[in-house]
Every structure is written in structure tokens, then in C-alpha cells.
Amino acid sequence: MMSKLRNISLLLLGLALSVPVFAQTDLLFSQHGMNQRVFNPAAIIDNGMLNMELMGRQQWIGFPDAPSVQYVGADLFMEQQPMGLKFGFLNQIAGKEITRQLGVSYAYQVRFSQVLSAQFGLSAGFYQRQVRFSELIFEEGNEPLIKPDESVLKPDFSFGFELYWKDFTLGMAANHVTTPHRKATIFKIPIHNHFYLMHRFILENEIQLFSGISWHQQGSINRFQLDVQFNFGQWEAGLAYRNQDALILKAGIALSASIRMNYAYDFGISKIANYNSGTHEISLQFNFARRSGTYLSPRFLD
């Protein structure tokens, strides 16, 4: 068993060091709308509130040096102007690699009619990449890799848009746009692309059904995800499927009028699923009122 784990660890390390494009994949999230809020600078909720989110994801429970990520973000829309701001910080650990991303996003809203609108967003910030070479060891023996730890700090930019028509949302985002795939290295994260289409359907007794399809691409790595989620007011529950990766169970509860907790569990379906007990993801969302009165957002990812 330990031999198999070492072999898999070495395989992942080999990919990281010999094929840089594969090493720098941003982790995908399982909860409804989470990828959009983190990766798309245009995905700022226009609901008249200050929205904050704390999220943690631990991947491949029981697997040595398994990837994990922590995220904190906040966004708000201007009261008198069709524009919004978002702040986000992400800390990602995968084996001996650590990536920290800090960004500020700006989104501008354009209304074409009562049922058609769009938001365009830009994000600017920095990312820090650190590789702990001194903690790497060979499979035979305990000799560390004779190389000092390295860390770099680089500027980072993203752009995206969301188009809203009735109860549909069409979105696209590109992250790390300054690094094309052919120039990617272990310290330079290559461009990531995200596309998604989502729909909200109102059922009886005010039950809402959310469905969506998304595509996430980096180099030759492609991930498609299908989502179905029901919102029962205070409660929510859903299923998702990510090709070649996981079957996902999701649940959420409103703890108060301004606090909601969400949870997702990934059942792995890839070969590495034989060596771990799944992935856990949990988040807390806070919504603080900024002005009185009722406000109906044209978006449904809130």
C-alpha cells in the first residue's frame, strides 16, 4: 500500500517538475456558483448588500500531501452607479507547492432591457508561487533534494463577463492572461478558461431549481461539470458530476437572515479515488444590508 502511495506521489511530482503546464492547475470548487465567484471578476452580486464568503476545501482525504485551498472574498455594488468591486484572497497548497493569489475586481453593468443585461469585469493583483524543494525526498532512502526553496511574486490579471436573459446566465472568464501555455513554467501559472450556462426555474411552493453546465480548460486538461440544485427557502440540496473526476453531493442551510452555510462532498471516480476517502468543501456566506427597502437582483447566483 505504502509503495503504491509513493509511486503515485512520484508520478504527481514528475508531472509537476517535467510538464509545468499540468502543475499549475487552479483547483475547481463543487458548490453552486463557487467557481464563478472566485474565478470570474464579472460575477459580482448586485443585491444591495455587502456580501462576504469564507471557504475551505480539503481534497483527497487520507492521501499524503493532498491539495487544499482556503478562500476569503467580499463584494458590493455601488448604490448610485452601475458598477461593483470585489476583493479575493486564495491560498492553495498541493504537496510541496504553495500558491497565494490576491486580487481586486471591477465590474460594470449594462442594461439593454428589463430582461436583458450584462456585466463585464477586470481583475488585477498578484500571486506568489513557492516550491519547498528542501522537503522533497527520493523514494529510496531519506535524502532530501539538494536544492533550496524558491519563491516568486508576479502580477496577475483576469477578465470575464456574464450575460443575463430572463432566468438564464451565460458566463466566461480567463485567468492568468499574461502567461500563454507555451510560456508556462513551474513558477508562471498558464492561462485558465472557464465557460458556463445556468438556468433558474421556479417550481411550486416557491421551490427553485438551478441547473447548469460548465467547462474549465487549462492546456490539454478539460473538465466538464453538470449541476442540479434545489432551493427550498432555508434549505438547499443538489448533485453534480465532473467528468473524469467526481460525483458531488451538495447541501446548505440558512443559519439566519444573513448567514448561510454550504457543504459539498466529492466521491472520486478517477484511479486516484482508490487511495483516498473523498473531498470535503465547506463555506460560510454573509450578507449585510447596506440600504433599506426590497431589491430584486437580475442575477440568480445569490
Protein backbone atom coordinates (compact mmCIF):
# COMPACT_ATOMS: atom_id res chain seq x y z
CA MET A 1 0.00 0.00 0.00
CA MET A 2 2.74 2.46 1.00
CA SER A 3 4.68 1.56 -2.13
CA LYS A 4 1.66 2.41 -4.27
CA LEU A 5 1.24 5.73 -2.47
CA ARG A 6 4.91 6.56 -3.04
CA ASN A 7 4.61 5.68 -6.71
CA ILE A 8 1.57 7.94 -7.13
CA SER A 9 3.32 10.74 -5.24
CA LEU A 10 6.34 10.43 -7.51
CA LEU A 11 4.08 10.40 -10.57
CA LEU A 12 2.41 13.64 -9.47
CA LEU A 13 5.78 15.17 -8.67
CA GLY A 14 7.11 14.11 -12.06
CA LEU A 15 4.25 15.85 -13.79
CA ALA A 16 4.85 18.93 -11.69
CA LEU A 17 8.54 19.17 -12.50
CA SER A 18 8.72 17.85 -16.05
CA VAL A 19 5.45 19.15 -17.52
CA PRO A 20 4.94 22.63 -15.99
CA VAL A 21 1.60 23.25 -17.69
CA PHE A 22 -0.02 20.41 -15.75
CA ALA A 23 1.42 21.52 -12.41
CA GLN A 24 -0.33 24.88 -12.15
CA THR A 25 -3.99 23.91 -12.28
CA ASP A 26 -6.25 26.07 -10.13
CA LEU A 27 -8.46 23.80 -8.03
CA LEU A 28 -12.11 23.62 -9.04
CA PHE A 29 -14.87 24.01 -6.47
CA SER A 30 -18.00 21.93 -6.07
CA GLN A 31 -20.56 24.27 -4.51
CA HIS A 32 -23.14 26.01 -6.67
CA GLY A 33 -21.73 29.21 -8.21
CA MET A 34 -18.42 29.00 -6.35
CA ASN A 35 -16.16 28.82 -9.42
CA GLN A 36 -17.85 31.87 -10.91
CA ARG A 37 -17.47 33.96 -7.77
CA VAL A 38 -13.80 33.04 -7.37
CA PHE A 39 -12.59 32.99 -11.00
CA ASN A 40 -14.82 35.49 -12.80
CA PRO A 41 -14.27 39.19 -11.96
CA ALA A 42 -17.65 40.00 -13.54
CA ALA A 43 -19.52 37.75 -11.07
CA ILE A 44 -20.34 40.45 -8.51
CA ILE A 45 -23.79 40.19 -6.96
CA ASP A 46 -25.96 43.28 -7.42
CA ASN A 47 -28.30 42.77 -4.46
CA GLY A 48 -27.88 45.97 -2.45
CA MET A 49 -25.74 44.20 0.19
CA LEU A 50 -22.17 43.70 1.25
CA ASN A 51 -21.50 40.01 0.54
CA MET A 52 -18.68 38.08 2.20
CA GLU A 53 -17.58 34.46 1.92
CA LEU A 54 -15.20 32.12 3.74
CA MET A 55 -14.45 28.76 2.14
CA GLY A 56 -12.19 25.77 2.75
CA ARG A 57 -11.63 22.69 0.57
CA GLN A 58 -9.63 19.60 1.53
CA GLN A 59 -9.10 17.28 -1.40
CA TRP A 60 -8.38 13.51 -1.30
CA ILE A 61 -8.74 12.87 2.43
CA GLY A 62 -6.12 10.36 3.61
CA PHE A 63 -3.76 10.94 0.68
CA PRO A 64 -0.30 12.30 1.66
CA ASP A 65 0.25 15.98 0.77
CA ALA A 66 -3.21 16.19 -0.82
CA PRO A 67 -4.29 19.55 -2.30
CA SER A 68 -6.21 22.01 -0.13
CA VAL A 69 -7.43 25.56 -0.60
CA GLN A 70 -8.78 28.38 1.55
CA TYR A 71 -10.61 31.42 0.17
CA VAL A 72 -11.93 34.68 1.61
CA GLY A 73 -13.79 37.22 -0.50
CA ALA A 74 -16.09 40.24 -0.31
CA ASP A 75 -18.05 42.18 -2.94
CA LEU A 76 -20.53 45.03 -3.21
CA PHE A 77 -22.27 47.12 -5.84
CA MET A 78 -22.30 50.91 -5.83
CA GLU A 79 -25.61 52.46 -4.74
CA GLN A 80 -25.77 55.14 -7.43
CA GLN A 81 -23.53 53.71 -10.16
CA PRO A 82 -23.84 50.52 -12.28
CA MET A 83 -20.52 49.14 -11.08
CA GLY A 84 -19.20 46.83 -8.39
CA LEU A 85 -15.99 45.93 -6.58
CA LYS A 86 -14.70 42.59 -5.31
CA PHE A 87 -11.77 41.54 -3.15
CA GLY A 88 -10.47 37.97 -3.04
CA PHE A 89 -7.60 36.08 -1.41
CA LEU A 90 -6.87 32.41 -2.15
CA ASN A 91 -4.31 30.11 -0.52
CA GLN A 92 -3.67 26.81 -2.32
CA ILE A 93 -1.36 24.01 -1.18
CA ALA A 94 -0.57 20.98 -3.33
CA GLY A 95 2.22 18.80 -1.99
CA LYS A 96 5.29 20.98 -1.63
CA GLU A 97 3.86 23.73 -3.83
CA ILE A 98 2.09 26.77 -2.34
CA THR A 99 0.21 29.38 -4.36
CA ARG A 100 -1.29 32.53 -2.88
CA GLN A 101 -3.43 34.84 -5.00
CA LEU A 102 -4.66 38.33 -4.07
CA GLY A 103 -6.86 40.30 -6.44
CA VAL A 104 -9.26 43.24 -6.71
CA SER A 105 -12.01 43.09 -9.33
CA TYR A 106 -14.08 45.79 -11.01
CA ALA A 107 -17.35 45.05 -12.82
CA TYR A 108 -19.53 47.34 -14.94
CA GLN A 109 -23.20 46.59 -15.58
CA VAL A 110 -25.01 47.36 -18.84
CA ARG A 111 -28.81 47.10 -19.05
CA PHE A 112 -30.26 46.52 -22.51
CA SER A 113 -33.87 45.96 -21.41
CA GLN A 114 -35.90 44.78 -18.45
CA VAL A 115 -34.94 41.16 -19.12
CA LEU A 116 -31.50 41.51 -20.73
CA SER A 117 -28.34 42.83 -19.05
CA ALA A 118 -24.62 42.10 -18.83
CA GLN A 119 -21.66 42.64 -16.54
CA PHE A 120 -18.05 42.99 -17.68
CA GLY A 121 -15.21 42.55 -15.22
CA LEU A 122 -11.47 43.02 -14.86
CA SER A 123 -9.22 41.82 -12.04
CA ALA A 124 -5.69 42.86 -11.09
CA GLY A 125 -3.46 41.59 -8.32
CA PHE A 126 -0.51 39.36 -7.51
CA TYR A 127 0.25 35.71 -6.99
CA GLN A 128 3.08 34.17 -5.00
CA ARG A 129 4.44 30.76 -6.01
CA GLN A 130 6.60 28.83 -3.56
CA VAL A 131 8.18 25.39 -4.05
CA ARG A 132 9.71 23.71 -0.99
CA PHE A 133 12.47 21.77 -2.74
CA SER A 134 14.20 21.10 0.61
CA GLU A 135 11.25 18.93 1.73
CA LEU A 136 11.27 16.66 -1.33
CA ILE A 137 12.81 13.22 -0.79
CA PHE A 138 13.71 10.32 -3.05
CA GLU A 139 11.70 7.10 -2.98
CA GLU A 140 14.75 5.10 -1.88
CA GLY A 141 16.29 6.44 1.31
CA ASN A 142 15.56 9.71 3.07
CA GLU A 143 17.90 12.04 1.23
CA PRO A 144 16.32 15.44 0.58
CA LEU A 145 16.53 17.05 -2.84
CA ILE A 146 19.66 19.20 -2.71
CA LYS A 147 18.09 22.45 -3.83
CA PRO A 148 16.98 25.50 -1.80
CA ASP A 149 13.35 26.54 -1.55
CA GLU A 150 12.28 29.08 -4.16
CA SER A 151 9.54 31.72 -4.15
CA VAL A 152 8.43 34.29 -6.73
CA LEU A 153 5.91 37.13 -6.74
CA LYS A 154 4.27 38.05 -10.04
CA PRO A 155 1.43 40.34 -11.23
CA ASP A 156 -1.80 38.60 -12.15
CA PHE A 157 -4.73 39.69 -14.36
CA SER A 158 -8.13 38.22 -15.30
CA PHE A 159 -11.18 39.29 -17.25
CA GLY A 160 -14.69 37.96 -17.75
CA PHE A 161 -18.34 38.69 -18.46
CA GLU A 162 -21.81 37.46 -17.54
CA LEU A 163 -24.90 37.86 -19.72
CA TYR A 164 -28.35 37.66 -18.06
CA TRP A 165 -31.51 36.98 -20.05
CA LYS A 166 -34.64 36.21 -18.05
CA ASP A 167 -33.62 33.26 -15.84
CA PHE A 168 -30.51 32.32 -17.83
CA THR A 169 -26.89 33.26 -17.08
CA LEU A 170 -24.11 32.83 -19.65
CA GLY A 171 -20.58 33.46 -18.42
CA MET A 172 -16.94 33.35 -19.47
CA ALA A 173 -13.68 34.10 -17.66
CA ALA A 174 -9.95 33.90 -18.40
CA ASN A 175 -7.42 33.87 -15.55
CA HIS A 176 -3.65 34.48 -15.60
CA VAL A 177 -3.96 36.06 -19.04
CA THR A 178 -0.34 37.26 -19.20
CA THR A 179 1.04 33.72 -19.42
CA PRO A 180 0.15 31.71 -22.54
CA HIS A 181 0.59 27.94 -22.32
CA ARG A 182 3.83 27.87 -24.28
CA LYS A 183 5.49 30.22 -21.76
CA ALA A 184 4.29 28.47 -18.60
CA THR A 185 6.87 27.26 -16.07
CA ILE A 186 6.67 25.88 -12.57
CA PHE A 187 6.57 29.50 -11.33
CA LYS A 188 4.41 31.01 -14.10
CA ILE A 189 0.76 29.94 -13.99
CA PRO A 190 -0.67 29.47 -17.51
CA ILE A 191 -3.98 30.89 -18.70
CA HIS A 192 -7.18 29.19 -17.45
CA ASN A 193 -10.50 29.44 -19.30
CA HIS A 194 -14.00 28.98 -17.89
CA PHE A 195 -17.35 28.87 -19.71
CA TYR A 196 -20.77 28.20 -18.15
CA LEU A 197 -24.51 28.37 -18.77
CA MET A 198 -27.02 28.29 -15.90
CA HIS A 199 -30.77 28.45 -15.53
CA ARG A 200 -33.23 29.06 -12.71
CA PHE A 201 -36.70 27.53 -12.77
CA ILE A 202 -39.44 28.34 -10.24
CA LEU A 203 -41.41 25.27 -9.16
CA GLU A 204 -44.49 25.04 -6.92
CA ASN A 205 -44.42 26.44 -3.37
CA GLU A 206 -41.57 28.81 -4.35
CA ILE A 207 -39.10 25.94 -4.73
CA GLN A 208 -36.29 26.94 -7.10
CA LEU A 209 -34.44 24.55 -9.38
CA PHE A 210 -30.97 25.61 -10.51
CA SER A 211 -29.26 23.73 -13.33
CA GLY A 212 -26.05 24.39 -15.18
CA ILE A 213 -23.23 23.16 -17.35
CA SER A 214 -19.65 24.44 -17.21
CA TRP A 215 -16.34 23.82 -18.95
CA HIS A 216 -12.94 24.52 -17.40
CA GLN A 217 -9.81 24.32 -19.53
CA GLN A 218 -6.07 24.62 -18.98
CA GLY A 219 -3.79 23.37 -21.72
CA SER A 220 -4.87 19.82 -22.57
CA ILE A 221 -6.76 19.45 -19.27
CA ASN A 222 -10.53 19.78 -19.76
CA ARG A 223 -13.22 19.43 -17.10
CA PHE A 224 -16.96 19.47 -17.77
CA GLN A 225 -19.39 19.79 -14.88
CA LEU A 226 -23.16 19.28 -14.73
CA ASP A 227 -25.10 20.76 -11.77
CA VAL A 228 -28.64 20.37 -10.44
CA GLN A 229 -29.68 22.05 -7.21
CA PHE A 230 -32.97 22.65 -5.38
CA ASN A 231 -33.57 25.61 -3.09
CA PHE A 232 -36.32 25.08 -0.50
CA GLY A 233 -36.02 28.50 1.13
CA GLN A 234 -33.99 27.80 4.23
CA TRP A 235 -32.59 24.54 2.84
CA GLU A 236 -30.89 23.56 -0.39
CA ALA A 237 -29.59 20.29 -1.82
CA GLY A 238 -28.04 19.24 -5.10
CA LEU A 239 -25.98 16.88 -7.22
CA ALA A 240 -23.15 17.46 -9.67
CA TYR A 241 -20.93 15.42 -11.96
CA ARG A 242 -17.44 16.44 -13.04
CA ASN A 243 -16.09 14.25 -15.83
CA GLN A 244 -13.07 12.06 -15.04
CA ASP A 245 -13.07 13.44 -11.51
CA ALA A 246 -16.04 13.18 -9.13
CA LEU A 247 -19.71 12.73 -8.33
CA ILE A 248 -20.70 15.52 -5.95
CA LEU A 249 -23.32 15.81 -3.19
CA LYS A 250 -24.23 19.32 -2.01
CA ALA A 251 -26.31 20.74 0.84
CA GLY A 252 -26.88 24.09 2.51
CA ILE A 253 -28.83 25.78 5.27
CA ALA A 254 -29.62 29.38 6.18
CA LEU A 255 -28.43 29.83 9.78
CA SER A 256 -30.03 33.27 9.95
CA ALA A 257 -31.34 36.00 7.65
CA SER A 258 -27.76 37.00 6.82
CA ILE A 259 -25.68 33.81 7.25
CA ARG A 260 -25.74 30.67 5.14
CA MET A 261 -23.60 27.54 5.40
CA ASN A 262 -22.94 25.22 2.45
CA TYR A 263 -21.21 21.85 2.20
CA ALA A 264 -20.12 19.59 -0.67
CA TYR A 265 -18.64 16.10 -0.72
CA ASP A 266 -16.86 14.68 -3.76
CA PHE A 267 -16.92 10.94 -4.45
CA GLY A 268 -13.84 10.37 -6.58
CA ILE A 269 -14.27 8.39 -9.81
CA SER A 270 -10.68 8.59 -11.09
CA LYS A 271 -7.97 5.99 -10.42
CA ILE A 272 -6.64 8.01 -7.51
CA ALA A 273 -10.00 7.51 -5.74
CA ASN A 274 -8.73 4.09 -4.61
CA TYR A 275 -6.21 5.82 -2.32
CA ASN A 276 -8.37 8.43 -0.55
CA SER A 277 -11.76 8.84 1.13
CA GLY A 278 -13.18 11.76 -0.84
CA THR A 279 -13.08 15.54 -0.75
CA HIS A 280 -14.76 17.93 1.70
CA GLU A 281 -15.70 21.54 0.96
CA ILE A 282 -17.47 23.96 3.31
CA SER A 283 -18.29 27.67 3.12
CA LEU A 284 -19.94 30.41 5.14
CA GLN A 285 -21.70 33.28 3.33
CA PHE A 286 -22.56 36.58 4.99
CA ASN A 287 -24.91 39.23 3.57
CA PHE A 288 -25.04 42.60 5.30
CA ALA A 289 -27.76 45.10 4.32
CA ARG A 290 -26.46 48.46 3.08
CA ARG A 291 -29.76 50.23 2.49
CA SER A 292 -33.41 49.81 3.37
CA GLY A 293 -36.13 48.53 1.06
CA THR A 294 -36.52 45.48 -1.15
CA TYR A 295 -34.16 44.96 -4.07
CA LEU A 296 -34.57 42.34 -6.77
CA SER A 297 -31.32 41.32 -8.40
CA PRO A 298 -31.31 40.39 -12.11
CA ARG A 299 -28.88 37.64 -11.20
CA PHE A 300 -29.75 34.32 -9.63
CA LEU A 301 -26.38 33.25 -8.24
CA ASP A 302 -27.08 34.84 -4.87
